[in-house]
N, C-alpha and C. Protein backbone atom coordinates (compact mmCIF):
# COMPACT_ATOMS: atom_id res chain seq x y z
N MET A 1 58.66 110.66 119.16
CA MET A 1 58.34 109.53 118.34
C MET A 1 59.63 108.97 117.73
N TYR A 2 59.77 107.67 117.77
CA TYR A 2 60.97 107.00 117.25
C TYR A 2 60.95 106.97 115.73
N ASN A 3 62.08 107.31 115.13
CA ASN A 3 62.22 107.27 113.68
C ASN A 3 63.53 106.56 113.38
N LYS A 4 63.47 105.40 112.70
CA LYS A 4 64.70 104.64 112.46
C LYS A 4 65.69 105.39 111.58
N ASN A 5 65.25 106.42 110.87
CA ASN A 5 66.17 107.23 110.07
C ASN A 5 67.10 108.04 110.94
N ASP A 6 66.80 108.15 112.23
CA ASP A 6 67.66 108.87 113.16
C ASP A 6 68.76 107.98 113.73
N ASP A 7 68.69 106.66 113.50
CA ASP A 7 69.71 105.74 114.01
C ASP A 7 71.05 106.00 113.34
N ILE A 8 72.11 105.91 114.12
CA ILE A 8 73.47 106.06 113.59
C ILE A 8 74.31 104.91 114.12
N SER A 9 75.10 104.31 113.24
CA SER A 9 76.04 103.26 113.63
C SER A 9 77.45 103.75 113.34
N VAL A 10 78.35 103.46 114.26
CA VAL A 10 79.76 103.77 114.06
C VAL A 10 80.53 102.47 114.21
N VAL A 11 81.28 102.11 113.17
CA VAL A 11 82.05 100.88 113.16
C VAL A 11 83.53 101.27 113.18
N LEU A 12 84.23 100.87 114.23
CA LEU A 12 85.68 101.11 114.33
C LEU A 12 86.38 99.82 113.92
N THR A 13 87.27 99.89 112.93
CA THR A 13 87.88 98.68 112.40
C THR A 13 89.26 98.97 111.80
N ASP A 14 90.05 97.91 111.64
CA ASP A 14 91.31 98.05 110.92
C ASP A 14 91.11 97.90 109.42
N GLY A 15 89.87 97.59 109.02
CA GLY A 15 89.54 97.48 107.60
C GLY A 15 89.76 96.10 107.03
N LYS A 16 90.26 95.19 107.83
CA LYS A 16 90.53 93.84 107.36
C LYS A 16 89.48 92.92 107.96
N GLY A 17 88.92 92.08 107.15
CA GLY A 17 87.88 91.19 107.65
C GLY A 17 87.05 90.62 106.53
N GLU A 18 85.75 90.65 106.73
CA GLU A 18 84.83 90.05 105.76
C GLU A 18 84.80 90.84 104.46
N PRO A 19 84.61 90.13 103.35
CA PRO A 19 84.43 90.83 102.08
C PRO A 19 82.98 91.30 101.88
N LYS A 20 82.07 90.88 102.80
CA LYS A 20 80.65 91.22 102.68
C LYS A 20 80.04 91.37 104.08
N VAL A 21 79.17 92.34 104.26
CA VAL A 21 78.47 92.52 105.54
C VAL A 21 76.99 92.74 105.29
N ASN A 22 76.19 92.43 106.30
CA ASN A 22 74.76 92.72 106.27
C ASN A 22 74.56 94.04 106.98
N GLN A 23 74.00 95.02 106.29
CA GLN A 23 73.79 96.34 106.90
C GLN A 23 72.52 96.41 107.73
N TYR A 24 71.70 95.37 107.71
CA TYR A 24 70.47 95.32 108.52
C TYR A 24 69.62 96.57 108.36
N ASN A 25 69.56 97.09 107.14
CA ASN A 25 68.78 98.29 106.82
C ASN A 25 69.19 99.52 107.61
N CYS A 26 70.40 99.53 108.10
CA CYS A 26 70.95 100.71 108.79
C CYS A 26 71.93 101.38 107.84
N TYR A 27 71.54 102.53 107.31
CA TYR A 27 72.35 103.19 106.30
C TYR A 27 73.02 104.47 106.79
N ASN A 28 72.75 104.86 108.03
CA ASN A 28 73.49 105.97 108.65
C ASN A 28 74.67 105.37 109.38
N THR A 29 75.62 104.88 108.63
CA THR A 29 76.76 104.17 109.19
C THR A 29 78.04 104.90 108.84
N PHE A 30 78.90 105.04 109.83
CA PHE A 30 80.23 105.62 109.63
C PHE A 30 81.25 104.52 109.91
N TRP A 31 82.05 104.15 108.91
CA TRP A 31 83.13 103.17 109.07
C TRP A 31 84.40 103.96 109.31
N VAL A 32 84.98 103.84 110.50
CA VAL A 32 86.22 104.51 110.85
C VAL A 32 87.33 103.45 110.78
N ILE A 33 88.23 103.64 109.82
CA ILE A 33 89.24 102.63 109.50
C ILE A 33 90.61 103.14 109.89
N THR A 34 91.37 102.29 110.59
CA THR A 34 92.73 102.68 110.99
C THR A 34 93.73 102.44 109.86
N GLY A 35 93.36 101.68 108.86
CA GLY A 35 94.24 101.42 107.72
C GLY A 35 93.93 102.36 106.57
N HIS A 36 94.51 102.06 105.41
CA HIS A 36 94.25 102.85 104.20
C HIS A 36 92.92 102.44 103.59
N LEU A 37 92.20 103.38 103.00
CA LEU A 37 90.92 103.08 102.40
C LEU A 37 91.04 102.08 101.25
N ASP A 38 92.15 102.11 100.53
CA ASP A 38 92.31 101.17 99.41
C ASP A 38 92.56 99.74 99.88
N GLU A 39 92.78 99.54 101.18
CA GLU A 39 92.96 98.21 101.75
C GLU A 39 91.71 97.71 102.48
N PHE A 40 90.63 98.47 102.39
CA PHE A 40 89.37 98.11 103.05
C PHE A 40 88.88 96.79 102.46
N SER A 41 88.56 95.83 103.30
CA SER A 41 88.28 94.46 102.85
C SER A 41 86.92 94.27 102.17
N LEU A 42 85.99 95.20 102.34
CA LEU A 42 84.68 95.01 101.73
C LEU A 42 84.77 95.17 100.22
N ASN A 43 84.38 94.12 99.52
CA ASN A 43 84.41 94.14 98.06
C ASN A 43 83.13 94.71 97.47
N GLU A 44 82.05 94.64 98.22
CA GLU A 44 80.78 95.15 97.71
C GLU A 44 80.60 96.60 98.12
N LYS A 45 79.76 97.30 97.40
CA LYS A 45 79.48 98.69 97.75
C LYS A 45 78.61 98.71 99.00
N ILE A 46 78.97 99.54 99.95
CA ILE A 46 78.16 99.73 101.14
C ILE A 46 77.60 101.14 101.11
N ILE A 47 76.45 101.30 101.70
CA ILE A 47 75.83 102.62 101.78
C ILE A 47 76.22 103.19 103.13
N ALA A 48 77.29 103.96 103.12
CA ALA A 48 77.84 104.48 104.37
C ALA A 48 78.89 105.54 104.05
N LYS A 49 79.38 106.15 105.09
CA LYS A 49 80.50 107.07 104.99
C LYS A 49 81.72 106.35 105.53
N THR A 50 82.80 106.32 104.75
CA THR A 50 84.02 105.62 105.15
C THR A 50 85.11 106.65 105.40
N ILE A 51 85.72 106.58 106.57
CA ILE A 51 86.72 107.56 106.99
C ILE A 51 87.98 106.82 107.41
N SER A 52 89.13 107.24 106.91
CA SER A 52 90.40 106.65 107.35
C SER A 52 91.06 107.61 108.34
N ILE A 53 91.57 107.05 109.43
CA ILE A 53 92.28 107.88 110.40
C ILE A 53 93.78 107.54 110.39
N ASN A 54 94.23 106.92 109.30
CA ASN A 54 95.62 106.55 109.14
C ASN A 54 96.45 107.82 109.02
N LYS A 55 97.52 107.91 109.80
CA LYS A 55 98.36 109.11 109.79
C LYS A 55 99.41 109.09 108.69
N LYS A 56 99.54 107.97 107.98
CA LYS A 56 100.57 107.86 106.92
C LYS A 56 100.14 108.53 105.67
């Protein structure tokens, strides 16, 4: 049986872009950012896990 709570989204980004996004009721989201977390362009709180892979 399908359960939307099992859906997972992975967003690969440099962290620069829109200050706001529509999560489309998908809250199992992992934002993988190549930049620093403090430079992440989203100004609003998102319900997700944010991970930086920056080696600096």
